[in-house]
N, C-alpha and C. Protein backbone atom coordinates (compact mmCIF):
# COMPACT_ATOMS: atom_id res chain seq x y z
N MET A 1 -18.08 -9.29 9.00
CA MET A 1 -17.15 -10.47 9.09
C MET A 1 -16.55 -10.51 10.30
N ALA A 2 -16.59 -11.72 10.95
CA ALA A 2 -16.04 -12.03 12.23
C ALA A 2 -14.41 -12.50 11.58
N PHE A 3 -13.44 -11.80 12.49
CA PHE A 3 -12.21 -12.43 12.37
C PHE A 3 -11.72 -13.25 13.54
N PHE A 4 -12.50 -13.61 14.55
CA PHE A 4 -11.93 -14.55 15.62
C PHE A 4 -13.11 -15.19 15.68
N THR A 5 -12.84 -16.78 16.22
CA THR A 5 -13.90 -17.65 16.46
C THR A 5 -14.09 -17.36 18.23
N THR A 6 -14.94 -18.03 18.61
CA THR A 6 -15.18 -17.77 20.30
C THR A 6 -14.14 -18.56 21.02
N GLU A 7 -13.56 -19.73 20.23
CA GLU A 7 -12.39 -20.43 21.09
C GLU A 7 -11.17 -19.43 21.01
N GLN A 8 -10.94 -18.69 19.74
CA GLN A 8 -9.67 -17.96 19.67
C GLN A 8 -10.13 -16.74 20.57
N ILE A 9 -11.01 -16.46 20.83
CA ILE A 9 -11.32 -15.13 21.76
C ILE A 9 -11.07 -15.58 23.28
N ALA A 10 -11.31 -17.16 23.63
CA ALA A 10 -11.15 -17.44 24.82
C ALA A 10 -9.78 -17.68 25.20
N ALA A 11 -8.91 -18.14 24.01
CA ALA A 11 -7.48 -18.16 24.35
C ALA A 11 -6.85 -17.05 24.49
N PHE A 12 -7.24 -15.76 23.77
CA PHE A 12 -6.83 -14.44 24.03
C PHE A 12 -7.07 -13.92 25.48
N LYS A 13 -7.94 -14.64 26.05
CA LYS A 13 -8.14 -13.99 27.48
C LYS A 13 -7.20 -14.79 28.55
N GLU A 14 -6.82 -16.03 28.19
CA GLU A 14 -6.03 -16.78 28.78
C GLU A 14 -4.59 -16.47 29.01
N ARG A 15 -4.00 -15.79 27.70
CA ARG A 15 -2.61 -15.36 27.66
C ARG A 15 -2.56 -14.23 26.82
N ALA A 16 -1.49 -13.40 26.80
CA ALA A 16 -1.15 -12.35 25.97
C ALA A 16 -1.20 -12.72 24.66
N PRO A 17 -1.88 -12.25 23.63
CA PRO A 17 -1.78 -12.52 22.21
C PRO A 17 -0.55 -12.01 21.59
N ARG A 18 0.20 -13.01 20.94
CA ARG A 18 1.41 -12.83 19.93
C ARG A 18 0.91 -12.29 18.55
N LEU A 19 1.64 -11.06 18.16
CA LEU A 19 1.07 -10.53 16.83
C LEU A 19 2.11 -10.05 16.00
N ASP A 20 1.99 -9.82 14.62
CA ASP A 20 2.95 -9.24 14.13
C ASP A 20 2.41 -8.98 12.77
N PHE A 21 2.83 -7.97 11.87
CA PHE A 21 2.36 -7.50 10.62
C PHE A 21 2.77 -8.41 9.39
N LEU A 22 1.91 -8.45 8.40
CA LEU A 22 2.24 -9.19 7.33
C LEU A 22 2.12 -8.17 6.27
N VAL A 23 2.86 -8.21 5.20
CA VAL A 23 2.97 -7.22 3.92
C VAL A 23 2.84 -7.95 2.75
N LYS A 24 1.86 -7.66 1.92
CA LYS A 24 1.66 -8.23 0.82
C LYS A 24 2.06 -7.20 -0.32
N MET A 25 2.79 -7.12 -1.49
CA MET A 25 3.14 -6.29 -2.20
C MET A 25 2.98 -6.82 -3.91
N GLU A 26 1.80 -6.01 -4.29
CA GLU A 26 1.48 -6.67 -5.78
C GLU A 26 2.19 -5.77 -6.74
N PHE A 27 3.28 -6.48 -7.36
CA PHE A 27 3.93 -6.12 -8.33
C PHE A 27 3.25 -5.97 -9.76
N ALA A 28 3.71 -5.52 -10.73
CA ALA A 28 2.96 -5.46 -11.64
C ALA A 28 2.92 -7.04 -12.44
N THR A 29 3.81 -7.84 -12.31
CA THR A 29 3.92 -9.01 -12.86
C THR A 29 4.14 -10.45 -11.79
N ASP A 30 4.11 -9.83 -10.31
CA ASP A 30 4.24 -10.90 -9.43
C ASP A 30 3.67 -10.28 -8.16
N THR A 31 3.50 -11.32 -7.17
CA THR A 31 2.94 -10.89 -5.81
C THR A 31 3.94 -11.26 -4.77
N LEU A 32 4.47 -10.34 -3.83
CA LEU A 32 5.45 -10.76 -2.94
C LEU A 32 4.74 -10.75 -1.69
N TYR A 33 4.83 -11.88 -0.72
CA TYR A 33 4.40 -11.84 0.67
C TYR A 33 5.68 -11.82 1.58
N VAL A 34 5.78 -11.19 2.73
CA VAL A 34 6.78 -10.84 3.53
C VAL A 34 6.27 -10.51 4.91
N TRP A 35 7.18 -10.95 5.90
CA TRP A 35 6.69 -10.70 7.23
C TRP A 35 8.01 -10.69 7.76
N ASN A 36 8.17 -10.11 9.33
CA ASN A 36 9.47 -9.83 10.10
C ASN A 36 10.03 -10.86 10.79
N GLY A 37 9.48 -12.16 10.75
CA GLY A 37 9.89 -13.25 11.54
C GLY A 37 11.05 -14.04 11.07
N HIS A 38 11.46 -15.29 11.43
CA HIS A 38 12.61 -15.90 11.11
C HIS A 38 12.14 -17.24 10.43
N HIS A 39 10.64 -17.60 10.00
CA HIS A 39 10.56 -18.77 9.47
C HIS A 39 9.47 -18.43 8.34
N GLN A 40 9.53 -19.16 7.52
CA GLN A 40 8.40 -18.99 6.31
C GLN A 40 7.04 -19.33 6.78
N LEU A 41 5.92 -18.68 6.57
CA LEU A 41 4.35 -18.85 6.85
C LEU A 41 3.70 -19.22 5.82
N THR A 42 2.72 -20.27 5.92
CA THR A 42 1.93 -20.47 4.95
C THR A 42 0.24 -19.92 5.49
N ILE A 43 -0.29 -19.12 4.73
CA ILE A 43 -1.49 -18.55 5.34
C ILE A 43 -2.44 -18.35 4.03
N ASP A 44 -3.44 -19.25 4.13
CA ASP A 44 -4.53 -18.93 3.22
C ASP A 44 -3.66 -19.37 1.66
N GLY A 45 -2.74 -20.27 1.67
CA GLY A 45 -2.14 -20.87 0.44
C GLY A 45 -0.96 -19.85 -0.02
N ASN A 46 -0.79 -18.76 0.76
CA ASN A 46 0.19 -17.96 0.39
C ASN A 46 1.43 -17.77 1.24
N VAL A 47 2.85 -17.91 0.52
CA VAL A 47 3.84 -18.18 1.43
C VAL A 47 4.48 -16.88 1.79
N TYR A 48 4.56 -16.24 2.99
CA TYR A 48 5.25 -15.27 3.60
C TYR A 48 6.70 -15.42 3.74
N LEU A 49 7.43 -14.62 3.19
CA LEU A 49 9.05 -14.95 3.25
C LEU A 49 9.42 -14.09 4.83
N PRO A 50 10.41 -14.58 5.44
CA PRO A 50 10.91 -14.01 6.73
C PRO A 50 11.98 -13.01 6.20
N MET A 51 11.89 -11.90 6.86
CA MET A 51 12.65 -10.95 7.00
C MET A 51 13.51 -10.82 7.72
N HIS A 52 13.37 -11.72 8.91
CA HIS A 52 14.59 -11.80 10.06
C HIS A 52 14.80 -10.26 10.74
N GLY A 53 13.72 -9.54 10.96
CA GLY A 53 13.79 -8.38 11.81
C GLY A 53 14.33 -7.28 11.24
N LEU A 54 14.66 -7.48 9.81
CA LEU A 54 15.38 -6.40 9.07
C LEU A 54 14.45 -5.43 8.49
N GLY A 55 13.14 -5.93 8.59
CA GLY A 55 12.00 -5.07 8.06
C GLY A 55 11.40 -3.89 9.15
N GLN A 56 10.94 -2.99 8.72
CA GLN A 56 10.11 -1.79 9.28
C GLN A 56 8.99 -1.23 8.73
N ILE A 57 8.31 -0.89 9.57
CA ILE A 57 6.75 -0.22 9.06
C ILE A 57 6.73 1.17 9.82
N ASP A 58 6.74 2.66 9.14
CA ASP A 58 6.55 3.47 9.61
C ASP A 58 5.45 4.12 9.14
N GLY A 59 4.43 4.76 10.38
CA GLY A 59 3.32 5.65 9.72
C GLY A 59 2.06 4.92 9.94
N LEU A 60 2.08 3.73 10.22
CA LEU A 60 0.72 3.17 10.58
C LEU A 60 0.01 3.95 11.78
N GLY A 61 -1.17 4.39 11.68
CA GLY A 61 -2.31 4.80 12.44
C GLY A 61 -3.32 5.05 12.04
N GLN A 62 -4.20 5.43 13.08
CA GLN A 62 -5.81 5.76 12.63
C GLN A 62 -6.08 7.09 12.38
N THR A 63 -6.71 7.24 11.64
CA THR A 63 -6.96 8.68 11.21
C THR A 63 -8.42 8.97 10.75
N SER A 64 -9.23 10.01 11.04
CA SER A 64 -10.39 10.45 10.52
C SER A 64 -10.51 11.63 9.61
N SER A 65 -9.44 11.94 9.03
CA SER A 65 -9.50 12.92 8.23
C SER A 65 -9.12 12.56 6.87
N THR A 66 -9.48 13.21 5.97
CA THR A 66 -9.62 12.94 4.33
C THR A 66 -8.15 13.16 3.76
N GLN A 67 -7.06 13.30 4.48
CA GLN A 67 -6.10 13.53 4.06
C GLN A 67 -5.29 12.16 3.45
N SER A 68 -4.30 12.18 2.61
CA SER A 68 -3.41 11.33 2.21
C SER A 68 -2.57 10.59 3.33
N GLN A 69 -2.39 9.56 3.74
CA GLN A 69 -1.51 9.14 4.86
C GLN A 69 -0.69 8.22 3.95
N ALA A 70 0.56 8.22 4.51
CA ALA A 70 1.57 7.58 3.93
C ALA A 70 2.19 6.54 4.80
N VAL A 71 2.67 5.26 4.40
CA VAL A 71 3.15 4.32 5.35
C VAL A 71 4.58 3.99 4.36
N THR A 72 5.60 4.00 5.22
CA THR A 72 6.91 3.55 4.65
C THR A 72 7.59 2.32 5.22
N LEU A 73 7.67 1.28 4.13
CA LEU A 73 8.14 -0.02 4.21
C LEU A 73 9.75 0.09 4.07
N THR A 74 10.49 -0.33 5.05
CA THR A 74 11.82 -0.25 4.98
C THR A 74 12.55 -1.81 5.28
N LEU A 75 13.36 -2.12 4.55
CA LEU A 75 14.30 -3.22 4.33
C LEU A 75 15.64 -2.67 4.61
N SER A 76 16.42 -2.72 5.94
CA SER A 76 17.64 -2.47 6.01
C SER A 76 18.63 -3.51 6.63
N GLY A 77 20.08 -3.12 6.38
CA GLY A 77 20.85 -3.88 6.81
C GLY A 77 21.17 -5.07 5.72
N ILE A 78 20.85 -4.84 4.50
CA ILE A 78 21.11 -5.89 3.25
C ILE A 78 22.54 -5.83 3.40
N PRO A 79 23.15 -7.00 3.24
CA PRO A 79 24.76 -7.10 3.20
C PRO A 79 25.14 -6.66 1.80
N GLU A 80 26.34 -6.29 1.29
CA GLU A 80 26.55 -5.95 0.27
C GLU A 80 26.97 -6.98 -0.69
N GLN A 81 27.01 -8.31 -0.19
CA GLN A 81 27.05 -9.45 -0.88
C GLN A 81 25.94 -9.70 -1.67
N ASP A 82 24.81 -9.53 -0.85
CA ASP A 82 23.39 -9.91 -1.41
C ASP A 82 23.03 -8.69 -2.30
N ILE A 83 23.85 -8.39 -3.31
CA ILE A 83 23.73 -7.42 -4.32
C ILE A 83 22.57 -7.79 -5.48
N ASN A 84 22.01 -8.96 -5.17
CA ASN A 84 20.59 -9.30 -6.03
C ASN A 84 19.74 -8.66 -5.76
N ILE A 85 19.37 -8.27 -4.28
CA ILE A 85 18.03 -7.72 -4.04
C ILE A 85 18.28 -6.17 -4.40
N LEU A 86 19.39 -5.71 -4.05
CA LEU A 86 19.45 -4.30 -4.68
C LEU A 86 19.39 -4.10 -6.05
N SER A 87 19.89 -4.81 -7.08
CA SER A 87 19.75 -4.58 -8.35
C SER A 87 18.52 -4.63 -8.87
N LEU A 88 17.68 -6.15 -8.20
CA LEU A 88 16.24 -6.15 -8.59
C LEU A 88 15.43 -4.99 -8.20
N THR A 89 15.67 -4.40 -7.38
CA THR A 89 14.98 -3.22 -6.73
C THR A 89 15.01 -2.28 -7.69
N LEU A 90 16.13 -1.94 -8.12
CA LEU A 90 16.40 -0.84 -8.98
C LEU A 90 15.64 -1.25 -10.45
N GLN A 91 15.94 -2.23 -10.88
CA GLN A 91 15.38 -2.69 -12.04
C GLN A 91 13.93 -2.96 -12.28
N GLN A 92 13.15 -2.81 -10.91
CA GLN A 92 11.93 -3.15 -11.00
C GLN A 92 11.10 -1.82 -10.73
N THR A 93 11.67 -0.63 -10.63
CA THR A 93 10.89 0.36 -10.39
C THR A 93 9.69 0.48 -11.06
N PRO A 94 9.62 0.27 -12.34
CA PRO A 94 8.24 0.37 -13.21
C PRO A 94 7.31 -0.69 -12.51
N GLU A 95 8.03 -1.92 -11.92
CA GLU A 95 7.13 -2.94 -11.38
C GLU A 95 6.31 -2.44 -10.10
N VAL A 96 7.09 -1.47 -9.45
CA VAL A 96 6.60 -1.18 -8.14
C VAL A 96 5.66 0.06 -8.29
N ASN A 97 5.87 1.06 -9.09
CA ASN A 97 5.14 2.16 -9.07
C ASN A 97 3.90 2.03 -9.25
N GLN A 98 2.77 2.76 -8.27
CA GLN A 98 1.35 2.76 -8.33
C GLN A 98 0.92 1.39 -8.18
N GLN A 99 1.62 0.22 -7.63
CA GLN A 99 1.28 -1.02 -7.38
C GLN A 99 0.41 -1.06 -6.08
N LEU A 100 -0.30 -2.03 -5.68
CA LEU A 100 -0.87 -2.16 -4.42
C LEU A 100 -0.07 -2.62 -3.38
N ALA A 101 -0.12 -1.92 -2.10
CA ALA A 101 0.62 -2.87 -0.85
C ALA A 101 -0.35 -2.91 0.15
N THR A 102 -0.62 -4.05 0.63
CA THR A 102 -1.63 -4.30 1.62
C THR A 102 -0.71 -4.85 3.23
N ILE A 103 -1.16 -4.00 4.16
CA ILE A 103 -0.37 -4.59 5.35
C ILE A 103 -1.53 -5.30 6.31
N TYR A 104 -1.11 -6.34 6.83
CA TYR A 104 -2.36 -7.02 7.82
C TYR A 104 -1.76 -7.18 9.14
N LEU A 105 -2.67 -7.23 10.05
CA LEU A 105 -2.36 -7.64 11.48
C LEU A 105 -2.60 -9.29 11.84
N GLN A 106 -1.52 -9.80 12.00
CA GLN A 106 -1.66 -11.37 12.21
C GLN A 106 -1.53 -11.93 13.68
N PHE A 107 -2.47 -12.76 14.13
CA PHE A 107 -2.24 -12.95 15.42
C PHE A 107 -1.66 -14.56 15.51
N PHE A 108 -0.93 -14.93 16.37
CA PHE A 108 -0.20 -16.33 16.70
C PHE A 108 -0.29 -16.94 17.89
N ASP A 109 -0.07 -18.28 17.75
CA ASP A 109 -0.09 -19.17 19.21
C ASP A 109 1.51 -18.82 19.69
N GLU A 110 1.62 -19.81 20.56
CA GLU A 110 2.73 -19.96 21.23
C GLU A 110 3.95 -20.28 20.54
N ASP A 111 3.51 -21.21 19.60
CA ASP A 111 4.64 -21.50 18.58
C ASP A 111 4.73 -20.87 17.29
N TRP A 112 4.14 -19.61 17.34
CA TRP A 112 4.34 -18.48 16.12
C TRP A 112 3.80 -19.09 14.95
N GLN A 113 2.77 -19.64 15.02
CA GLN A 113 2.02 -20.33 14.04
C GLN A 113 0.71 -19.36 13.94
N PRO A 114 0.18 -19.25 12.78
CA PRO A 114 -1.24 -18.21 12.63
C PRO A 114 -2.13 -18.71 13.33
N SER A 115 -3.02 -18.17 14.09
CA SER A 115 -4.21 -18.55 14.96
C SER A 115 -5.32 -17.93 14.54
N ALA A 116 -5.44 -17.15 13.61
CA ALA A 116 -6.67 -16.39 13.12
C ALA A 116 -6.50 -15.86 11.72
N THR A 117 -7.64 -15.23 11.50
CA THR A 117 -7.61 -14.69 9.95
C THR A 117 -6.77 -13.51 10.01
N PRO A 118 -5.98 -12.87 9.03
CA PRO A 118 -5.38 -11.80 8.85
C PRO A 118 -6.19 -10.62 8.86
N ILE A 119 -6.16 -9.57 9.46
CA ILE A 119 -7.02 -8.47 9.50
C ILE A 119 -6.20 -7.49 8.53
N PRO A 120 -6.85 -6.71 7.46
CA PRO A 120 -6.23 -5.98 6.88
C PRO A 120 -6.30 -4.32 7.64
N VAL A 121 -5.11 -3.65 7.72
CA VAL A 121 -5.14 -2.60 8.35
C VAL A 121 -4.61 -1.36 7.49
N PHE A 122 -4.34 -1.50 6.44
CA PHE A 122 -3.69 -0.42 5.45
C PHE A 122 -3.69 -1.08 4.08
N PHE A 123 -3.83 -0.28 3.35
CA PHE A 123 -3.76 -0.51 1.53
C PHE A 123 -3.45 0.64 1.13
N GLY A 124 -2.48 0.79 0.08
CA GLY A 124 -2.05 1.92 -0.49
C GLY A 124 -1.34 1.65 -1.83
N PHE A 125 -0.81 2.70 -2.56
CA PHE A 125 -0.15 2.59 -3.92
C PHE A 125 1.29 2.91 -3.48
N MET A 126 2.03 1.98 -4.02
CA MET A 126 3.61 2.10 -3.64
C MET A 126 4.25 2.87 -4.73
N GLN A 127 5.09 3.98 -4.00
CA GLN A 127 5.83 4.98 -5.13
C GLN A 127 7.14 4.22 -5.23
N PRO A 128 7.82 4.68 -6.30
CA PRO A 128 9.40 4.23 -6.62
C PRO A 128 10.02 4.03 -5.42
N PRO A 129 10.92 2.76 -5.31
CA PRO A 129 11.71 2.67 -4.19
C PRO A 129 12.83 3.66 -4.18
N GLU A 130 13.47 3.77 -2.89
CA GLU A 130 14.55 4.53 -2.77
C GLU A 130 15.54 3.53 -2.08
N VAL A 131 16.91 3.73 -2.74
CA VAL A 131 17.75 2.76 -2.10
C VAL A 131 18.94 3.56 -1.36
N GLU A 132 19.55 3.33 -0.26
CA GLU A 132 20.65 3.94 0.60
C GLU A 132 21.79 3.15 0.72
N ARG A 133 22.92 3.84 0.50
CA ARG A 133 24.11 2.70 0.93
C ARG A 133 24.94 3.40 1.67
N THR A 134 25.32 2.77 2.82
CA THR A 134 26.37 2.98 3.73
C THR A 134 27.66 2.82 3.33
N ALA A 135 28.53 3.43 3.95
CA ALA A 135 29.96 3.35 3.61
C ALA A 135 30.69 2.10 4.47
N ALA A 136 31.64 1.20 3.80
CA ALA A 136 32.14 0.13 4.56
C ALA A 136 32.97 0.74 5.69
N GLY A 137 32.83 0.35 6.69
CA GLY A 137 33.86 0.43 7.98
C GLY A 137 35.20 -0.66 8.04
N ALA A 138 35.69 -0.39 9.25
CA ALA A 138 36.79 -1.31 9.40
C ALA A 138 36.29 -2.94 9.99
N ASP A 139 35.31 -2.74 10.51
CA ASP A 139 34.80 -4.03 11.16
C ASP A 139 33.53 -4.31 10.39
N ILE A 140 32.81 -3.67 9.89
CA ILE A 140 31.66 -4.14 8.91
C ILE A 140 31.54 -3.65 7.61
N GLY A 141 31.05 -4.52 6.62
CA GLY A 141 31.03 -3.88 5.38
C GLY A 141 29.81 -2.78 5.15
N ALA A 142 29.64 -2.53 3.80
CA ALA A 142 28.65 -1.65 3.57
C ALA A 142 27.31 -2.17 3.35
N THR A 143 26.16 -1.60 3.48
CA THR A 143 24.80 -2.17 3.88
C THR A 143 24.04 -1.34 2.93
N GLN A 144 23.00 -1.97 2.49
CA GLN A 144 22.03 -0.83 1.71
C GLN A 144 20.78 -1.22 2.33
N THR A 145 19.71 -0.12 2.38
CA THR A 145 18.48 0.19 2.78
C THR A 145 17.51 0.32 1.55
N ILE A 146 16.58 -0.28 1.51
CA ILE A 146 15.54 -0.23 0.55
C ILE A 146 14.10 0.26 1.16
N THR A 147 13.53 1.51 0.63
CA THR A 147 12.48 2.17 1.17
C THR A 147 11.44 2.19 0.06
N VAL A 148 10.42 1.85 0.57
CA VAL A 148 9.14 2.00 -0.51
C VAL A 148 7.84 2.68 0.35
N THR A 149 7.69 3.80 -0.33
CA THR A 149 6.24 4.32 0.49
C THR A 149 5.31 4.02 -0.22
N ALA A 150 4.19 3.96 0.39
CA ALA A 150 2.60 3.55 0.06
C ALA A 150 1.90 4.58 0.41
N GLU A 151 1.28 5.11 -0.51
CA GLU A 151 0.19 6.41 -0.09
C GLU A 151 -1.06 5.53 -0.26
N ASN A 152 -2.10 5.98 0.70
CA ASN A 152 -3.38 5.25 0.63
C ASN A 152 -4.31 6.01 -0.13
N ALA A 153 -5.51 5.52 -0.31
CA ALA A 153 -6.39 5.57 -1.23
C ALA A 153 -6.77 7.16 -1.73
N LEU A 154 -6.66 7.88 -0.79
CA LEU A 154 -6.74 9.42 -0.92
C LEU A 154 -5.80 9.93 -1.73
N PHE A 155 -4.59 9.27 -2.28
CA PHE A 155 -3.61 9.80 -2.73
C PHE A 155 -4.00 10.32 -4.02
N ASN A 156 -3.70 11.64 -4.54
CA ASN A 156 -4.25 12.45 -5.64
C ASN A 156 -5.37 12.81 -5.88
N ARG A 157 -5.98 12.98 -4.50
CA ARG A 157 -7.56 13.47 -4.30
C ARG A 157 -7.65 14.86 -4.60
N SER A 158 -6.40 15.79 -4.50
CA SER A 158 -6.47 16.99 -4.74
C SER A 158 -5.95 17.34 -6.05
N ARG A 159 -5.55 16.58 -6.99
CA ARG A 159 -5.19 16.56 -8.23
C ARG A 159 -6.35 17.43 -9.17
N PRO A 160 -5.79 18.19 -9.99
CA PRO A 160 -7.24 18.84 -10.68
C PRO A 160 -7.76 17.99 -11.60
N PRO A 161 -8.81 18.07 -12.24
CA PRO A 161 -9.48 17.27 -13.11
C PRO A 161 -9.00 17.26 -14.44
N GLN A 162 -9.17 16.16 -15.17
CA GLN A 162 -8.17 16.16 -16.29
C GLN A 162 -9.13 16.67 -17.59
N GLY A 163 -10.09 17.54 -17.31
CA GLY A 163 -10.82 18.17 -18.03
C GLY A 163 -12.21 19.24 -17.79
N ARG A 164 -12.80 19.89 -18.37
CA ARG A 164 -13.87 20.63 -17.87
C ARG A 164 -15.23 20.05 -18.44
N PHE A 165 -16.35 20.61 -18.08
CA PHE A 165 -17.52 20.24 -18.55
C PHE A 165 -17.96 21.21 -19.75
N THR A 166 -17.35 21.25 -20.81
CA THR A 166 -17.47 22.11 -21.89
C THR A 166 -17.59 21.26 -23.10
N ASP A 167 -18.41 21.87 -23.98
CA ASP A 167 -18.90 21.26 -25.11
C ASP A 167 -17.25 20.68 -25.90
N ARG A 168 -16.29 21.72 -25.73
CA ARG A 168 -14.97 21.39 -26.46
C ARG A 168 -14.18 19.98 -25.85
N ASP A 169 -14.18 19.93 -24.66
CA ASP A 169 -13.71 19.04 -23.93
C ASP A 169 -14.41 17.64 -24.10
N GLN A 170 -15.87 17.63 -24.18
CA GLN A 170 -16.67 16.44 -24.38
C GLN A 170 -16.44 16.00 -25.93
N GLN A 171 -16.34 16.98 -26.79
CA GLN A 171 -16.13 16.45 -28.30
C GLN A 171 -14.72 15.81 -28.39
N THR A 172 -13.75 16.35 -27.62
CA THR A 172 -12.20 15.73 -27.68
C THR A 172 -12.45 14.23 -26.90
N ARG A 173 -13.21 14.24 -25.99
CA ARG A 173 -13.30 12.76 -25.20
C ARG A 173 -14.24 11.79 -26.04
N PHE A 174 -15.47 12.36 -26.65
CA PHE A 174 -16.40 11.74 -27.42
C PHE A 174 -17.05 12.49 -28.37
N PRO A 175 -16.34 12.32 -29.47
CA PRO A 175 -16.79 13.12 -30.84
C PRO A 175 -18.48 12.59 -31.17
N GLY A 176 -18.97 13.93 -31.45
CA GLY A 176 -20.42 13.72 -31.94
C GLY A 176 -21.37 13.73 -30.55
N ASP A 177 -20.85 13.71 -29.29
CA ASP A 177 -21.87 13.85 -28.38
C ASP A 177 -22.27 14.96 -28.24
N LYS A 178 -23.47 15.66 -28.00
CA LYS A 178 -24.05 17.03 -27.80
C LYS A 178 -24.46 17.07 -26.36
N ALA A 179 -23.92 16.32 -25.55
CA ALA A 179 -24.49 16.52 -23.92
C ALA A 179 -24.31 17.89 -23.54
N LEU A 180 -23.45 18.41 -23.72
CA LEU A 180 -22.71 19.82 -23.28
C LEU A 180 -22.65 20.81 -24.15
N GLN A 181 -23.47 20.71 -25.38
CA GLN A 181 -23.33 21.83 -26.22
C GLN A 181 -24.18 23.01 -25.48
N PHE A 182 -25.07 23.00 -24.61
CA PHE A 182 -25.82 24.23 -24.24
C PHE A 182 -25.34 24.56 -22.76
N VAL A 183 -24.36 24.14 -22.47
CA VAL A 183 -23.86 24.48 -20.92
C VAL A 183 -23.47 26.04 -20.97
N HIS A 184 -22.52 26.53 -22.04
CA HIS A 184 -22.09 27.87 -21.90
C HIS A 184 -23.15 28.73 -22.01
N PRO A 185 -24.37 28.46 -23.07
CA PRO A 185 -25.28 29.56 -23.18
C PRO A 185 -26.22 29.68 -21.76
N LEU A 186 -26.24 28.67 -21.23
CA LEU A 186 -26.96 28.65 -19.84
C LEU A 186 -26.54 29.30 -18.61
N LEU A 187 -25.03 29.80 -18.79
CA LEU A 187 -24.54 30.18 -17.66
C LEU A 187 -25.03 31.53 -17.18
N PHE A 188 -25.38 32.55 -17.93
CA PHE A 188 -26.11 33.80 -17.51
C PHE A 188 -27.24 33.97 -17.79
N LYS A 189 -28.05 33.07 -18.28
CA LYS A 189 -29.57 32.91 -18.56
C LYS A 189 -30.51 32.92 -17.66
N THR A 190 -31.48 34.05 -17.49
CA THR A 190 -32.39 34.07 -16.62
C THR A 190 -33.87 33.30 -17.02
N PHE A 191 -33.99 32.54 -16.02
CA PHE A 191 -35.43 31.88 -16.23
C PHE A 191 -36.54 32.35 -15.58
N THR A 192 -37.51 32.48 -16.18
CA THR A 192 -38.99 32.84 -15.24
C THR A 192 -40.01 31.74 -15.20
N TYR A 193 -40.31 31.57 -13.94
CA TYR A 193 -40.85 30.57 -13.77
C TYR A 193 -41.87 30.54 -12.63
N PRO A 194 -43.15 30.43 -12.38
CA PRO A 194 -43.78 29.87 -13.66
C PRO A 194 -44.00 31.28 -14.63
N ASP A 195 -44.18 31.01 -16.17
CA ASP A 195 -44.31 32.07 -17.06
C ASP A 195 -45.68 31.92 -17.52
N TYR A 196 -46.79 32.85 -16.91
CA TYR A 196 -48.19 32.78 -17.36
C TYR A 196 -48.36 33.69 -18.33
C-alpha cells in the first residue's frame, strides 16, 4: 500500500514536511478522534477534535522484541471549571478498559491541512484511566491530568493458558468430546516401530 503519491513525494523534497500524531480511541459505545492542534480536522469523514497542545504521547518507538510495549496518552492542564471531562473519564472506566486505541502519523501542508493518508504507527488496548489533580495556588487554580496507558498486541502474551490438554478440561469445555481421552495413557507408553 502506497501512503504517498508522486506529487506528495515531490512536495516533501521542496520543503520540510509538517507532521503530527492523530489518536483514535474506540470506546465501548463511541469512538473519539483527537489531535494536538488548534482546529478541527476532517480526515476520511472522521472529525479530529483539537487538544490545543495539552496532549502528550510517551513511549512510541520501534522495537524488534516480542515484549509488550506501552504507550501513555496524557491530557494535562484541564481547568477545574471543566469538571465535565474529569467526571466523564471517571464514569467511563468500563468504556475505556481493554478498548482499542490507534495512533497515526499525519503529514500536513503549509496551512496545516492533511496532505497524505494517515499512517498507523501503533495500536494497543487501553487500560483504566488515571486522574491526578494539582492543588490550587495563589495565582492559578487546580488542574487535572488524565492518563490512559495502551498496551500493544503482545499484552497478556505470558499469561498462563485457561486450561490444559486433558480429558477433564476438554469435557468441561465440550461435554461428550473424546478427542483427548487417550492423552494421559500415551504419556509413558513405548511404541516399537516397525513391529515385525
